Amino acid sequence: MEMKKVIDEEKKRVKKPRKKRWSKDDTELFLLSLPTLLWFLIFSYLPMFGVIIAFKVYKLSPGGHGFIYNLLHSDWAGIGNFKYFFTSNSFSMLLRNTILYNIAFIIISASVAVGGALMLSSMRNKRGSKVYQTMMFLPYFMSWVVISYFVYALLTPERGYINGIITAMGGERIMWYQESKYWPFILVFLNTWKGMGYGMVLYLASITGIDPSLYEAAVMDGATKSQQARHITLPAIKPVFIMMLILDCGKIFNSDFGLFY
């Protein structure tokens, strides 16, 4: 009994740990993260429901029902759709085009982004550099739907601006949308033009972090701008370039539906 009393007294002496309450800082952090959580929920997790269409024989049900009703009432196909795709004659062509397009996107976009960052960082007029940087970054926020209208205004066979220039110079109109040989170059150009602003911002941030004393020492030694870029700037941004290249190589099998559509 005495031992039990001693144990009970010791338990009373030991203070129970207080439960952590929801603090004001937790509320602020939650509100800051709420837009990101909503974005991932709406645009990343909810659309994953549509993945089951790959395992369905999608058919429209009579009665004018919506997509979800038709999807749920379609028959299961298992992996039949995948078997059909991998054994079709178009699979090798699609795989080749996907890899070659992404290789061209990676090489050309990286080269243009590095070159643009070098040119902007070399400008003496910093206000002009900010203006050019903003103008180049603007296409990154534009959707492919908007860009497609610009492209159509330029390339439409009847009233396109480019065909207007060609006919004014005595040439014949080019049927851009009926001839496939032009589109590999057009697609590569559009992808590079749309994404170069984002890449330039990353490389400009790396260039800004370079020690200015290195450039001052190079100027004292009589180094030109091209020599400074080759021996100071490019080696300094090499880690960032390699990291971005590795990340882009991980998306080599991705396909930008908006671009090609």
C-alpha atoms as a PDB file:
ATOM      1  CA  MET A   1       0.000   0.000   0.000  1.00  0.00           C
ATOM      2  CA  GLU A   2       2.806   2.384   0.862  1.00  0.00           C
ATOM      3  CA  MET A   3       4.464   1.681  -2.479  1.00  0.00           C
ATOM      4  CA  LYS A   4       1.210   2.422  -4.269  1.00  0.00           C
ATOM      5  CA  LYS A   5       0.855   5.733  -2.440  1.00  0.00           C
ATOM      6  CA  VAL A   6       4.395   6.707  -3.398  1.00  0.00           C
ATOM      7  CA  ILE A   7       3.685   5.919  -7.055  1.00  0.00           C
ATOM      8  CA  ASP A   8       0.463   7.928  -7.001  1.00  0.00           C
ATOM      9  CA  GLU A   9       2.245  10.903  -5.458  1.00  0.00           C
ATOM     10  CA  GLU A  10       4.974  10.729  -8.104  1.00  0.00           C
ATOM     11  CA  LYS A  11       2.350  10.691 -10.847  1.00  0.00           C
ATOM     12  CA  LYS A  12       0.760  13.789  -9.387  1.00  0.00           C
ATOM     13  CA  ARG A  13       4.109  15.562  -9.277  1.00  0.00           C
ATOM     14  CA  VAL A  14       4.880  14.812 -12.910  1.00  0.00           C
ATOM     15  CA  LYS A  15       3.184  17.476 -14.962  1.00  0.00           C
ATOM     16  CA  LYS A  16       1.209  16.296 -17.910  1.00  0.00           C
ATOM     17  CA  PRO A  17       2.462  17.713 -21.212  1.00  0.00           C
ATOM     18  CA  ARG A  18       0.183  20.362 -22.560  1.00  0.00           C
ATOM     19  CA  LYS A  19      -1.438  19.735 -25.878  1.00  0.00           C
ATOM     20  CA  LYS A  20      -0.108  21.983 -28.598  1.00  0.00           C
ATOM     21  CA  ARG A  21      -2.733  24.510 -29.541  1.00  0.00           C
ATOM     22  CA  TRP A  22      -3.358  26.016 -32.952  1.00  0.00           C
ATOM     23  CA  SER A  23      -1.415  29.256 -32.883  1.00  0.00           C
ATOM     24  CA  LYS A  24      -1.660  32.432 -34.909  1.00  0.00           C
ATOM     25  CA  ASP A  25       1.499  31.491 -36.815  1.00  0.00           C
ATOM     26  CA  ASP A  26      -0.100  28.211 -37.865  1.00  0.00           C
ATOM     27  CA  THR A  27      -3.104  30.107 -39.225  1.00  0.00           C
ATOM     28  CA  GLU A  28      -0.888  32.451 -41.243  1.00  0.00           C
ATOM     29  CA  LEU A  29       1.138  29.564 -42.689  1.00  0.00           C
ATOM     30  CA  PHE A  30      -2.044  27.693 -43.566  1.00  0.00           C
ATOM     31  CA  LEU A  31      -3.508  30.717 -45.351  1.00  0.00           C
ATOM     32  CA  LEU A  32      -0.258  31.200 -47.258  1.00  0.00           C
ATOM     33  CA  SER A  33      -0.257  27.583 -48.411  1.00  0.00           C
ATOM     34  CA  LEU A  34      -3.997  27.464 -49.139  1.00  0.00           C
ATOM     35  CA  PRO A  35      -3.792  28.774 -52.772  1.00  0.00           C
ATOM     36  CA  THR A  36      -1.130  26.182 -53.600  1.00  0.00           C
ATOM     37  CA  LEU A  37      -3.158  23.399 -51.988  1.00  0.00           C
ATOM     38  CA  LEU A  38      -6.259  24.428 -53.927  1.00  0.00           C
ATOM     39  CA  TRP A  39      -4.295  24.612 -57.184  1.00  0.00           C
ATOM     40  CA  PHE A  40      -2.923  21.085 -56.773  1.00  0.00           C
ATOM     41  CA  LEU A  41      -6.310  19.772 -55.694  1.00  0.00           C
ATOM     42  CA  ILE A  42      -8.207  21.277 -58.626  1.00  0.00           C
ATOM     43  CA  PHE A  43      -5.662  20.911 -61.429  1.00  0.00           C
ATOM     44  CA  SER A  44      -3.619  17.870 -60.343  1.00  0.00           C
ATOM     45  CA  TYR A  45      -5.637  15.507 -58.145  1.00  0.00           C
ATOM     46  CA  LEU A  46      -9.233  15.936 -59.347  1.00  0.00           C
ATOM     47  CA  PRO A  47      -8.326  15.421 -63.045  1.00  0.00           C
ATOM     48  CA  MET A  48      -6.713  12.088 -62.115  1.00  0.00           C
ATOM     49  CA  PHE A  49     -10.257  10.674 -62.030  1.00  0.00           C
ATOM     50  CA  GLY A  50     -10.237  10.839 -65.823  1.00  0.00           C
ATOM     51  CA  VAL A  51      -7.333   8.369 -65.988  1.00  0.00           C
ATOM     52  CA  ILE A  52      -9.821   5.501 -65.891  1.00  0.00           C
ATOM     53  CA  ILE A  53     -10.843   6.365 -69.463  1.00  0.00           C
ATOM     54  CA  ALA A  54      -7.701   4.521 -70.595  1.00  0.00           C
ATOM     55  CA  PHE A  55      -9.178   1.310 -69.176  1.00  0.00           C
ATOM     56  CA  LYS A  56     -12.670   1.821 -70.636  1.00  0.00           C
ATOM     57  CA  VAL A  57     -14.369   1.338 -73.988  1.00  0.00           C
ATOM     58  CA  TYR A  58     -15.788   4.839 -73.977  1.00  0.00           C
ATOM     59  CA  LYS A  59     -19.224   5.067 -75.565  1.00  0.00           C
ATOM     60  CA  LEU A  60     -21.880   7.757 -75.568  1.00  0.00           C
ATOM     61  CA  SER A  61     -25.014   6.690 -73.754  1.00  0.00           C
ATOM     62  CA  PRO A  62     -28.401   7.600 -75.253  1.00  0.00           C
ATOM     63  CA  GLY A  63     -30.201  10.458 -73.590  1.00  0.00           C
ATOM     64  CA  GLY A  64     -27.637  13.252 -73.915  1.00  0.00           C
ATOM     65  CA  HIS A  65     -25.781  12.494 -70.688  1.00  0.00           C
ATOM     66  CA  GLY A  66     -22.536  14.166 -69.686  1.00  0.00           C
ATOM     67  CA  PHE A  67     -18.966  12.921 -69.846  1.00  0.00           C
ATOM     68  CA  ILE A  68     -18.824  11.467 -66.328  1.00  0.00           C
ATOM     69  CA  TYR A  69     -22.075   9.497 -66.765  1.00  0.00           C
ATOM     70  CA  ASN A  70     -20.878   8.078 -70.095  1.00  0.00           C
ATOM     71  CA  LEU A  71     -17.495   7.240 -68.609  1.00  0.00           C
ATOM     72  CA  LEU A  72     -18.917   5.382 -65.627  1.00  0.00           C
ATOM     73  CA  HIS A  73     -21.392   3.423 -67.764  1.00  0.00           C
ATOM     74  CA  SER A  74     -18.868   2.392 -70.415  1.00  0.00           C
ATOM     75  CA  ASP A  75     -17.554  -1.170 -70.475  1.00  0.00           C
ATOM     76  CA  TRP A  76     -14.182  -2.033 -68.968  1.00  0.00           C
ATOM     77  CA  ALA A  77     -11.424  -2.797 -71.470  1.00  0.00           C
ATOM     78  CA  GLY A  78      -8.657  -3.716 -69.014  1.00  0.00           C
ATOM     79  CA  ILE A  79      -5.319  -3.250 -70.772  1.00  0.00           C
ATOM     80  CA  GLY A  80      -6.859  -3.772 -74.194  1.00  0.00           C
ATOM     81  CA  ASN A  81      -6.383  -0.123 -75.175  1.00  0.00           C
ATOM     82  CA  PHE A  82      -2.685  -0.334 -74.289  1.00  0.00           C
ATOM     83  CA  LYS A  83      -2.247  -3.527 -76.307  1.00  0.00           C
ATOM     84  CA  TYR A  84      -3.876  -1.873 -79.301  1.00  0.00           C
ATOM     85  CA  PHE A  85      -1.630   1.188 -78.996  1.00  0.00           C
ATOM     86  CA  PHE A  86       1.666  -0.662 -78.555  1.00  0.00           C
ATOM     87  CA  THR A  87       0.944  -3.053 -81.430  1.00  0.00           C
ATOM     88  CA  SER A  88      -0.316  -0.400 -83.867  1.00  0.00           C
ATOM     89  CA  ASN A  89       1.745   0.802 -86.818  1.00  0.00           C
ATOM     90  CA  SER A  90       1.731   4.367 -85.478  1.00  0.00           C
ATOM     91  CA  PHE A  91       3.470   3.550 -82.185  1.00  0.00           C
ATOM     92  CA  SER A  92       7.036   3.625 -83.557  1.00  0.00           C
ATOM     93  CA  MET A  93       6.355   6.872 -85.425  1.00  0.00           C
ATOM     94  CA  LEU A  94       4.819   8.536 -82.359  1.00  0.00           C
ATOM     95  CA  LEU A  95       7.667   7.387 -80.113  1.00  0.00           C
ATOM     96  CA  ARG A  96      10.283   8.642 -82.586  1.00  0.00           C
ATOM     97  CA  ASN A  97       8.600  12.021 -83.009  1.00  0.00           C
ATOM     98  CA  THR A  98       8.150  12.477 -79.261  1.00  0.00           C
ATOM     99  CA  ILE A  99      11.815  11.788 -78.505  1.00  0.00           C
ATOM    100  CA  LEU A 100      13.191  13.851 -81.412  1.00  0.00           C
ATOM    101  CA  TYR A 101      10.931  16.818 -80.693  1.00  0.00           C
ATOM    102  CA  ASN A 102      11.876  16.831 -77.007  1.00  0.00           C
ATOM    103  CA  ILE A 103      15.590  16.552 -77.808  1.00  0.00           C
ATOM    104  CA  ALA A 104      15.268  19.558 -80.120  1.00  0.00           C
ATOM    105  CA  PHE A 105      13.247  21.444 -77.484  1.00  0.00           C
ATOM    106  CA  ILE A 106      15.849  20.752 -74.781  1.00  0.00           C
ATOM    107  CA  ILE A 107      18.926  21.682 -76.820  1.00  0.00           C
ATOM    108  CA  ILE A 108      17.550  24.767 -78.565  1.00  0.00           C
ATOM    109  CA  SER A 109      15.630  26.148 -75.584  1.00  0.00           C
ATOM    110  CA  ALA A 110      18.632  25.804 -73.271  1.00  0.00           C
ATOM    111  CA  SER A 111      20.958  27.445 -75.787  1.00  0.00           C
ATOM    112  CA  VAL A 112      18.588  30.360 -76.407  1.00  0.00           C
ATOM    113  CA  ALA A 113      17.957  30.858 -72.678  1.00  0.00           C
ATOM    114  CA  VAL A 114      21.680  30.955 -71.871  1.00  0.00           C
ATOM    115  CA  GLY A 115      22.406  33.269 -74.797  1.00  0.00           C
ATOM    116  CA  GLY A 116      19.577  35.615 -73.833  1.00  0.00           C
ATOM    117  CA  ALA A 117      20.702  35.707 -70.208  1.00  0.00           C
ATOM    118  CA  LEU A 118      24.255  36.565 -71.288  1.00  0.00           C
ATOM    119  CA  MET A 119      23.037  39.401 -73.499  1.00  0.00           C
ATOM    120  CA  LEU A 120      20.721  40.865 -70.864  1.00  0.00           C
ATOM    121  CA  SER A 121      23.376  40.662 -68.160  1.00  0.00           C
ATOM    122  CA  SER A 122      25.818  42.539 -70.425  1.00  0.00           C
ATOM    123  CA  MET A 123      23.473  45.483 -71.006  1.00  0.00           C
ATOM    124  CA  ARG A 124      24.522  48.715 -69.359  1.00  0.00           C
ATOM    125  CA  ASN A 125      20.999  50.161 -69.384  1.00  0.00           C
ATOM    126  CA  LYS A 126      19.448  48.253 -66.489  1.00  0.00           C
ATOM    127  CA  ARG A 127      15.998  49.768 -67.062  1.00  0.00           C
ATOM    128  CA  GLY A 128      16.046  48.597 -70.665  1.00  0.00           C
ATOM    129  CA  SER A 129      17.211  45.181 -69.503  1.00  0.00           C
ATOM    130  CA  LYS A 130      14.196  44.903 -67.181  1.00  0.00           C
ATOM    131  CA  VAL A 131      11.852  45.903 -70.009  1.00  0.00           C
ATOM    132  CA  TYR A 132      13.314  43.310 -72.390  1.00  0.00           C
ATOM    133  CA  GLN A 133      13.222  40.669 -69.670  1.00  0.00           C
ATOM    134  CA  THR A 134       9.532  41.359 -68.993  1.00  0.00           C
ATOM    135  CA  MET A 135       8.676  41.261 -72.708  1.00  0.00           C
ATOM    136  CA  MET A 136      10.462  37.935 -73.152  1.00  0.00           C
ATOM    137  CA  PHE A 137       8.858  36.452 -70.035  1.00  0.00           C
ATOM    138  CA  LEU A 138       5.315  37.469 -71.046  1.00  0.00           C
ATOM    139  CA  PRO A 139       4.735  34.611 -73.572  1.00  0.00           C
ATOM    140  CA  TYR A 140       5.351  32.070 -70.794  1.00  0.00           C
ATOM    141  CA  PHE A 141       2.038  33.093 -69.183  1.00  0.00           C
ATOM    142  CA  MET A 142       0.070  32.916 -72.423  1.00  0.00           C
ATOM    143  CA  SER A 143      -1.962  29.804 -73.167  1.00  0.00           C
ATOM    144  CA  TRP A 144      -1.530  27.842 -76.374  1.00  0.00           C
ATOM    145  CA  VAL A 145      -5.082  28.805 -77.338  1.00  0.00           C
ATOM    146  CA  VAL A 146      -4.109  32.486 -77.489  1.00  0.00           C
ATOM    147  CA  ILE A 147      -0.876  31.704 -79.313  1.00  0.00           C
ATOM    148  CA  SER A 148      -2.731  29.549 -81.834  1.00  0.00           C
ATOM    149  CA  TYR A 149      -4.829  32.577 -82.836  1.00  0.00           C
ATOM    150  CA  PHE A 150      -1.682  34.631 -83.381  1.00  0.00           C
ATOM    151  CA  VAL A 151      -0.189  31.847 -85.481  1.00  0.00           C
ATOM    152  CA  TYR A 152      -3.395  31.502 -87.483  1.00  0.00           C
ATOM    153  CA  ALA A 153      -3.389  35.245 -88.182  1.00  0.00           C
ATOM    154  CA  LEU A 154       0.139  34.910 -89.533  1.00  0.00           C
ATOM    155  CA  LEU A 155      -0.229  31.670 -91.495  1.00  0.00           C
ATOM    156  CA  THR A 156      -3.826  31.490 -92.701  1.00  0.00           C
ATOM    157  CA  PRO A 157      -3.624  30.916 -96.482  1.00  0.00           C
ATOM    158  CA  GLU A 158      -6.224  33.512 -97.482  1.00  0.00           C
ATOM    159  CA  ARG A 159      -5.501  36.546 -95.282  1.00  0.00           C
ATOM    160  CA  GLY A 160      -2.319  35.657 -93.424  1.00  0.00           C
ATOM    161  CA  TYR A 161       0.291  38.337 -92.929  1.00  0.00           C
ATOM    162  CA  ILE A 162       3.161  36.140 -94.121  1.00  0.00           C
ATOM    163  CA  ASN A 163       1.339  35.104 -97.294  1.00  0.00           C
ATOM    164  CA  GLY A 164       0.470  38.760 -97.847  1.00  0.00           C
ATOM    165  CA  ILE A 165       4.158  39.656 -97.756  1.00  0.00           C
ATOM    166  CA  ILE A 166       5.052  36.744-100.060  1.00  0.00           C
ATOM    167  CA  THR A 167       2.407  37.658-102.650  1.00  0.00           C
ATOM    168  CA  ALA A 168       3.378  41.340-102.467  1.00  0.00           C
ATOM    169  CA  MET A 169       6.922  40.339-103.414  1.00  0.00           C
ATOM    170  CA  GLY A 170       5.660  38.322-106.382  1.00  0.00           C
ATOM    171  CA  GLY A 171       5.664  34.860-104.789  1.00  0.00           C
ATOM    172  CA  GLU A 172       2.933  32.261-104.467  1.00  0.00           C
ATOM    173  CA  ARG A 173       0.906  31.612-101.364  1.00  0.00           C
ATOM    174  CA  ILE A 174       2.026  28.764 -99.128  1.00  0.00           C
ATOM    175  CA  MET A 175      -0.610  26.410 -97.732  1.00  0.00           C
ATOM    176  CA  TRP A 176       0.905  26.221 -94.256  1.00  0.00           C
ATOM    177  CA  TYR A 177      -1.848  24.107 -92.718  1.00  0.00           C
ATOM    178  CA  GLN A 178      -1.904  21.605 -95.591  1.00  0.00           C
ATOM    179  CA  GLU A 179       1.846  20.928 -95.813  1.00  0.00           C
ATOM    180  CA  SER A 180       3.524  19.109 -92.950  1.00  0.00           C
ATOM    181  CA  LYS A 181       7.135  19.901 -93.875  1.00  0.00           C
ATOM    182  CA  TYR A 182       6.989  23.379 -92.317  1.00  0.00           C
ATOM    183  CA  TRP A 183       5.554  22.395 -88.949  1.00  0.00           C
ATOM    184  CA  PRO A 184       8.611  20.815 -87.271  1.00  0.00           C
ATOM    185  CA  PHE A 185      10.347  24.190 -87.545  1.00  0.00           C
ATOM    186  CA  ILE A 186       7.220  26.130 -86.519  1.00  0.00           C
ATOM    187  CA  LEU A 187       6.632  23.953 -83.445  1.00  0.00           C
ATOM    188  CA  VAL A 188      10.261  24.166 -82.319  1.00  0.00           C
ATOM    189  CA  PHE A 189      10.243  27.938 -82.805  1.00  0.00           C
ATOM    190  CA  LEU A 190       6.988  28.403 -80.847  1.00  0.00           C
ATOM    191  CA  ASN A 191       8.122  26.186 -77.970  1.00  0.00           C
ATOM    192  CA  THR A 192      11.433  28.066 -77.749  1.00  0.00           C
ATOM    193  CA  TRP A 193       9.765  31.480 -77.976  1.00  0.00           C
ATOM    194  CA  LYS A 194       7.218  30.635 -75.270  1.00  0.00           C
ATOM    195  CA  GLY A 195       9.657  29.145 -72.764  1.00  0.00           C
ATOM    196  CA  MET A 196      12.853  31.154 -73.196  1.00  0.00           C
ATOM    197  CA  GLY A 197      11.757  33.860 -70.738  1.00  0.00           C
ATOM    198  CA  TYR A 198      11.420  31.354 -67.896  1.00  0.00           C
ATOM    199  CA  GLY A 199      14.842  29.861 -68.609  1.00  0.00           C
ATOM    200  CA  MET A 200      16.472  33.272 -68.853  1.00  0.00           C
ATOM    201  CA  VAL A 201      15.202  34.273 -65.417  1.00  0.00           C
ATOM    202  CA  LEU A 202      16.871  31.214 -63.871  1.00  0.00           C
ATOM    203  CA  TYR A 203      20.194  31.855 -65.564  1.00  0.00           C
ATOM    204  CA  LEU A 204      20.053  35.590 -64.833  1.00  0.00           C
ATOM    205  CA  ALA A 205      19.619  34.790 -61.152  1.00  0.00           C
ATOM    206  CA  SER A 206      22.755  32.623 -61.302  1.00  0.00           C
ATOM    207  CA  ILE A 207      24.695  35.324 -63.137  1.00  0.00           C
ATOM    208  CA  THR A 208      23.661  37.900 -60.530  1.00  0.00           C
ATOM    209  CA  GLY A 209      25.223  35.746 -57.811  1.00  0.00           C
ATOM    210  CA  ILE A 210      28.677  35.783 -59.435  1.00  0.00           C
ATOM    211  CA  ASP A 211      31.294  37.751 -57.508  1.00  0.00           C
ATOM    212  CA  PRO A 212      31.755  41.147 -59.286  1.00  0.00           C
ATOM    213  CA  SER A 213      35.443  41.180 -58.328  1.00  0.00           C
ATOM    214  CA  LEU A 214      36.041  38.446 -60.896  1.00  0.00           C
ATOM    215  CA  TYR A 215      34.835  40.703 -63.700  1.00  0.00           C
ATOM    216  CA  GLU A 216      36.840  43.632 -62.306  1.00  0.00           C
ATOM    217  CA  ALA A 217      39.994  41.527 -62.312  1.00  0.00           C
ATOM    218  CA  ALA A 218      39.246  40.377 -65.856  1.00  0.00           C
ATOM    219  CA  VAL A 219      38.813  43.981 -67.023  1.00  0.00           C
ATOM    220  CA  MET A 220      42.133  44.913 -65.393  1.00  0.00           C
ATOM    221  CA  ASP A 221      43.756  42.090 -67.356  1.00  0.00           C
ATOM    222  CA  GLY A 222      42.236  43.376 -70.607  1.00  0.00           C
ATOM    223  CA  ALA A 223      39.603  40.653 -71.103  1.00  0.00           C
ATOM    224  CA  THR A 224      36.844  41.410 -73.589  1.00  0.00           C
ATOM    225  CA  LYS A 225      33.133  40.783 -72.992  1.00  0.00           C
ATOM    226  CA  SER A 226      33.264  37.514 -74.896  1.00  0.00           C
ATOM    227  CA  GLN A 227      36.282  36.352 -72.891  1.00  0.00           C
ATOM    228  CA  GLN A 228      34.566  37.278 -69.626  1.00  0.00           C
ATOM    229  CA  ALA A 229      31.501  35.296 -70.648  1.00  0.00           C
ATOM    230  CA  ARG A 230      33.556  32.280 -71.741  1.00  0.00           C
ATOM    231  CA  HIS A 231      35.911  32.122 -68.761  1.00  0.00           C
ATOM    232  CA  ILE A 232      33.774  33.516 -65.899  1.00  0.00           C
ATOM    233  CA  THR A 233      30.030  33.514 -66.612  1.00  0.00           C
ATOM    234  CA  LEU A 234      29.645  30.166 -68.369  1.00  0.00           C
ATOM    235  CA  PRO A 235      31.689  28.167 -65.794  1.00  0.00           C
ATOM    236  CA  ALA A 236      29.743  29.841 -62.972  1.00  0.00           C
ATOM    237  CA  ILE A 237      26.313  28.900 -64.379  1.00  0.00           C
ATOM    238  CA  LYS A 238      27.430  25.413 -65.412  1.00  0.00           C
ATOM    239  CA  PRO A 239      25.913  23.702 -62.303  1.00  0.00           C
ATOM    240  CA  VAL A 240      22.530  25.337 -62.953  1.00  0.00           C
ATOM    241  CA  PHE A 241      22.725  24.413 -66.637  1.00  0.00           C
ATOM    242  CA  ILE A 242      23.457  20.770 -65.805  1.00  0.00           C
ATOM    243  CA  MET A 243      20.657  20.650 -63.224  1.00  0.00           C
ATOM    244  CA  MET A 244      18.125  22.102 -65.704  1.00  0.00           C
ATOM    245  CA  LEU A 245      19.339  19.683 -68.387  1.00  0.00           C
ATOM    246  CA  ILE A 246      18.826  16.701 -66.087  1.00  0.00           C
ATOM    247  CA  LEU A 247      15.332  17.898 -65.151  1.00  0.00           C
ATOM    248  CA  ASP A 248      14.425  18.394 -68.816  1.00  0.00           C
ATOM    249  CA  CYS A 249      15.747  14.943 -69.744  1.00  0.00           C
ATOM    250  CA  GLY A 250      13.343  13.478 -67.198  1.00  0.00           C
ATOM    251  CA  LYS A 251      10.475  14.867 -69.312  1.00  0.00           C
ATOM    252  CA  ILE A 252      11.740  13.526 -72.632  1.00  0.00           C
ATOM    253  CA  PHE A 253       8.690  11.267 -73.030  1.00  0.00           C
ATOM    254  CA  ASN A 254       6.238  14.046 -72.194  1.00  0.00           C
ATOM    255  CA  SER A 255       4.106  15.609 -74.878  1.00  0.00           C
ATOM    256  CA  ASP A 256       2.650  19.112 -74.682  1.00  0.00           C
ATOM    257  CA  PHE A 257      -0.905  18.511 -75.906  1.00  0.00           C
ATOM    258  CA  GLY A 258      -1.669  22.206 -76.248  1.00  0.00           C
ATOM    259  CA  LEU A 259       1.353  22.829 -78.482  1.00  0.00           C
ATOM    260  CA  PHE A 260       0.677  20.028 -80.961  1.00  0.00           C
ATOM    261  CA  TYR A 261      -3.103  20.365 -80.933  1.00  0.00           C
END
